[in-house]
Amino acid sequence: MPIYEYECSVCRHHFDRKQRFDAETVAICPQCQGKAQRVIFSVPVIFKGSGFYVTDHRKPDDIAKGEKSMPGK
């Protein structure tokens, strides 16, 4: 089950709830009984592998000649 973070709009208290994906969102702050909203975070992008190099996008013929391949040319 995912853990969701909430923030109270009255007292700015942050709290977490472990909920099912399809469960109702928590709307009440446990500290002041104010209205709480789910905090949305952006998803981090993680690149795994050897990396991205100029040689990853060259044609085999261009590598042998030592030429750079340019998009649109």
N, C-alpha and C. Protein backbone atom coordinates (compact mmCIF):
# COMPACT_ATOMS: atom_id res chain seq x y z
N MET A 1 0.84 -1.19 0.00
CA MET A 1 0.00 0.00 0.00
C MET A 1 0.88 1.25 0.00
N PRO A 2 0.50 2.24 -0.79
CA PRO A 2 1.29 3.48 -0.83
C PRO A 2 1.06 4.35 0.40
N ILE A 3 2.05 5.17 0.69
CA ILE A 3 1.95 6.13 1.80
C ILE A 3 1.77 7.50 1.18
N TYR A 4 0.73 8.21 1.58
CA TYR A 4 0.43 9.54 1.07
C TYR A 4 0.70 10.58 2.13
N GLU A 5 1.19 11.74 1.71
CA GLU A 5 1.44 12.84 2.64
C GLU A 5 0.32 13.86 2.49
N TYR A 6 -0.12 14.37 3.62
CA TYR A 6 -1.18 15.38 3.65
C TYR A 6 -0.67 16.62 4.37
N GLU A 7 -1.29 17.77 4.05
CA GLU A 7 -0.97 19.03 4.72
C GLU A 7 -2.28 19.71 5.09
N CYS A 8 -2.34 20.19 6.33
CA CYS A 8 -3.52 20.90 6.81
C CYS A 8 -3.47 22.33 6.27
N SER A 9 -4.60 22.81 5.76
CA SER A 9 -4.64 24.18 5.22
C SER A 9 -4.78 25.22 6.33
N VAL A 10 -5.10 24.79 7.56
CA VAL A 10 -5.27 25.71 8.68
C VAL A 10 -3.96 25.87 9.46
N CYS A 11 -3.42 24.76 9.98
CA CYS A 11 -2.23 24.83 10.83
C CYS A 11 -0.94 24.40 10.13
N ARG A 12 -1.01 23.99 8.87
CA ARG A 12 0.14 23.56 8.06
C ARG A 12 0.85 22.32 8.60
N HIS A 13 0.14 21.53 9.38
CA HIS A 13 0.67 20.28 9.92
C HIS A 13 0.77 19.25 8.79
N HIS A 14 1.93 18.58 8.68
CA HIS A 14 2.12 17.51 7.70
C HIS A 14 1.97 16.17 8.39
N PHE A 15 1.25 15.26 7.75
CA PHE A 15 1.11 13.91 8.30
C PHE A 15 0.97 12.92 7.16
N ASP A 16 1.30 11.67 7.43
CA ASP A 16 1.28 10.60 6.44
C ASP A 16 0.17 9.61 6.76
N ARG A 17 -0.36 9.02 5.70
CA ARG A 17 -1.37 7.96 5.84
C ARG A 17 -1.04 6.85 4.85
N LYS A 18 -1.08 5.63 5.34
CA LYS A 18 -0.92 4.46 4.47
C LYS A 18 -2.33 4.08 4.02
N GLN A 19 -2.56 4.23 2.71
CA GLN A 19 -3.91 4.00 2.19
C GLN A 19 -3.85 3.20 0.90
N ARG A 20 -4.95 2.55 0.61
CA ARG A 20 -5.09 1.90 -0.68
C ARG A 20 -5.23 2.97 -1.75
N PHE A 21 -4.88 2.63 -2.96
CA PHE A 21 -4.94 3.58 -4.07
C PHE A 21 -6.36 4.09 -4.30
N ASP A 22 -7.35 3.24 -4.12
CA ASP A 22 -8.74 3.62 -4.39
C ASP A 22 -9.50 4.10 -3.14
N ALA A 23 -8.81 4.28 -2.02
CA ALA A 23 -9.45 4.71 -0.77
C ALA A 23 -9.78 6.21 -0.82
N GLU A 24 -10.75 6.61 -0.02
CA GLU A 24 -11.10 8.03 0.10
C GLU A 24 -9.94 8.79 0.71
N THR A 25 -9.73 10.02 0.26
CA THR A 25 -8.65 10.82 0.81
C THR A 25 -9.03 11.32 2.20
N VAL A 26 -8.03 11.45 3.07
CA VAL A 26 -8.25 11.97 4.41
C VAL A 26 -8.49 13.47 4.28
N ALA A 27 -9.54 13.98 4.86
CA ALA A 27 -9.88 15.39 4.71
C ALA A 27 -9.81 16.16 6.02
N ILE A 28 -9.47 15.49 7.12
CA ILE A 28 -9.45 16.14 8.44
C ILE A 28 -8.06 16.00 9.06
N CYS A 29 -7.53 17.11 9.54
CA CYS A 29 -6.23 17.14 10.21
C CYS A 29 -6.37 16.50 11.59
N PRO A 30 -5.47 15.59 11.97
CA PRO A 30 -5.56 14.97 13.29
C PRO A 30 -5.17 15.91 14.43
N GLN A 31 -4.49 17.01 14.10
CA GLN A 31 -4.03 17.93 15.14
C GLN A 31 -5.07 19.01 15.47
N CYS A 32 -5.65 19.65 14.43
CA CYS A 32 -6.58 20.76 14.70
C CYS A 32 -7.97 20.55 14.12
N GLN A 33 -8.21 19.40 13.49
CA GLN A 33 -9.49 19.07 12.86
C GLN A 33 -9.82 19.98 11.68
N GLY A 34 -8.80 20.64 11.12
CA GLY A 34 -8.99 21.48 9.94
C GLY A 34 -8.99 20.64 8.67
N LYS A 35 -9.22 21.30 7.53
CA LYS A 35 -9.27 20.61 6.25
C LYS A 35 -7.86 20.31 5.78
N ALA A 36 -7.60 19.05 5.39
CA ALA A 36 -6.29 18.62 4.90
C ALA A 36 -6.39 18.24 3.43
N GLN A 37 -5.29 18.46 2.71
CA GLN A 37 -5.22 18.10 1.30
C GLN A 37 -3.99 17.26 1.06
N ARG A 38 -4.09 16.37 0.09
CA ARG A 38 -2.96 15.51 -0.27
C ARG A 38 -1.88 16.35 -0.95
N VAL A 39 -0.64 16.12 -0.56
CA VAL A 39 0.50 16.82 -1.17
C VAL A 39 0.97 15.99 -2.35
N ILE A 40 1.08 16.63 -3.51
CA ILE A 40 1.52 15.95 -4.72
C ILE A 40 2.98 16.30 -4.98
N PHE A 41 3.81 15.28 -5.16
CA PHE A 41 5.23 15.46 -5.44
C PHE A 41 5.50 15.03 -6.87
N SER A 42 6.50 15.64 -7.49
CA SER A 42 6.92 15.20 -8.81
C SER A 42 7.75 13.93 -8.67
N VAL A 43 7.69 13.11 -9.67
CA VAL A 43 8.40 11.84 -9.65
C VAL A 43 9.84 12.07 -10.09
N PRO A 44 10.82 11.57 -9.34
CA PRO A 44 12.21 11.75 -9.76
C PRO A 44 12.53 10.87 -10.96
N VAL A 45 13.40 11.36 -11.83
CA VAL A 45 13.85 10.60 -12.99
C VAL A 45 15.23 10.06 -12.67
N ILE A 46 15.38 8.75 -12.79
CA ILE A 46 16.65 8.11 -12.49
C ILE A 46 17.12 7.40 -13.75
N PHE A 47 18.29 7.80 -14.25
CA PHE A 47 18.88 7.17 -15.40
C PHE A 47 19.85 6.10 -14.92
N LYS A 48 19.62 4.87 -15.36
CA LYS A 48 20.50 3.77 -14.97
C LYS A 48 21.19 3.26 -16.23
N GLY A 49 22.35 2.72 -16.05
CA GLY A 49 23.07 2.17 -17.18
C GLY A 49 24.40 2.86 -17.37
N SER A 50 24.97 2.67 -18.54
CA SER A 50 26.30 3.20 -18.81
C SER A 50 26.30 4.70 -19.03
N GLY A 51 25.17 5.26 -19.41
CA GLY A 51 25.10 6.70 -19.61
C GLY A 51 24.72 7.05 -21.03
N PHE A 52 24.68 8.33 -21.30
CA PHE A 52 24.32 8.82 -22.62
C PHE A 52 25.53 9.55 -23.18
N TYR A 53 26.03 9.05 -24.28
CA TYR A 53 27.22 9.60 -24.89
C TYR A 53 26.94 9.93 -26.35
N VAL A 54 27.81 10.70 -26.94
CA VAL A 54 27.69 11.05 -28.35
C VAL A 54 27.73 9.80 -29.20
N THR A 55 28.51 8.81 -28.79
CA THR A 55 28.64 7.58 -29.57
C THR A 55 27.38 6.72 -29.52
N ASP A 56 26.48 6.99 -28.61
CA ASP A 56 25.25 6.20 -28.53
C ASP A 56 24.30 6.50 -29.69
N HIS A 57 24.45 7.64 -30.34
CA HIS A 57 23.50 8.05 -31.38
C HIS A 57 24.15 8.11 -32.76
N ARG A 58 25.37 7.69 -32.90
CA ARG A 58 26.04 7.71 -34.20
C ARG A 58 25.75 6.44 -34.97
N LYS A 59 25.81 6.59 -36.30
CA LYS A 59 25.71 5.43 -37.17
C LYS A 59 27.07 4.74 -37.18
N PRO A 60 27.12 3.43 -37.33
CA PRO A 60 28.41 2.73 -37.34
C PRO A 60 29.37 3.25 -38.42
N ASP A 61 28.87 3.65 -39.58
CA ASP A 61 29.73 4.16 -40.65
C ASP A 61 30.37 5.48 -40.24
N ASP A 62 29.60 6.36 -39.55
CA ASP A 62 30.12 7.66 -39.14
C ASP A 62 31.21 7.51 -38.07
N ILE A 63 31.09 6.51 -37.23
CA ILE A 63 32.09 6.30 -36.18
C ILE A 63 33.43 5.90 -36.82
N ALA A 64 33.36 5.05 -37.83
CA ALA A 64 34.58 4.62 -38.50
C ALA A 64 35.26 5.77 -39.22
N LYS A 65 34.46 6.70 -39.78
CA LYS A 65 35.02 7.86 -40.49
C LYS A 65 35.43 8.98 -39.54
N GLY A 66 34.92 8.94 -38.32
CA GLY A 66 35.21 10.00 -37.36
C GLY A 66 34.33 11.21 -37.54
N GLU A 67 33.19 11.06 -38.22
CA GLU A 67 32.27 12.17 -38.46
C GLU A 67 31.19 12.18 -37.40
N LYS A 68 30.67 13.36 -37.15
CA LYS A 68 29.53 13.50 -36.24
C LYS A 68 28.27 13.48 -37.07
N SER A 69 27.27 12.75 -36.59
CA SER A 69 25.97 12.78 -37.27
C SER A 69 25.14 13.89 -36.68
N MET A 70 24.66 14.75 -37.53
CA MET A 70 23.86 15.90 -37.10
C MET A 70 22.41 15.63 -37.49
N PRO A 71 21.45 15.91 -36.59
CA PRO A 71 20.04 15.75 -36.93
C PRO A 71 19.68 16.67 -38.08
N GLY A 72 18.94 16.15 -39.05
CA GLY A 72 18.47 16.96 -40.18
C GLY A 72 19.49 17.07 -41.29
N LYS A 73 20.64 16.47 -41.18
CA LYS A 73 21.64 16.53 -42.25
C LYS A 73 21.86 15.17 -42.84
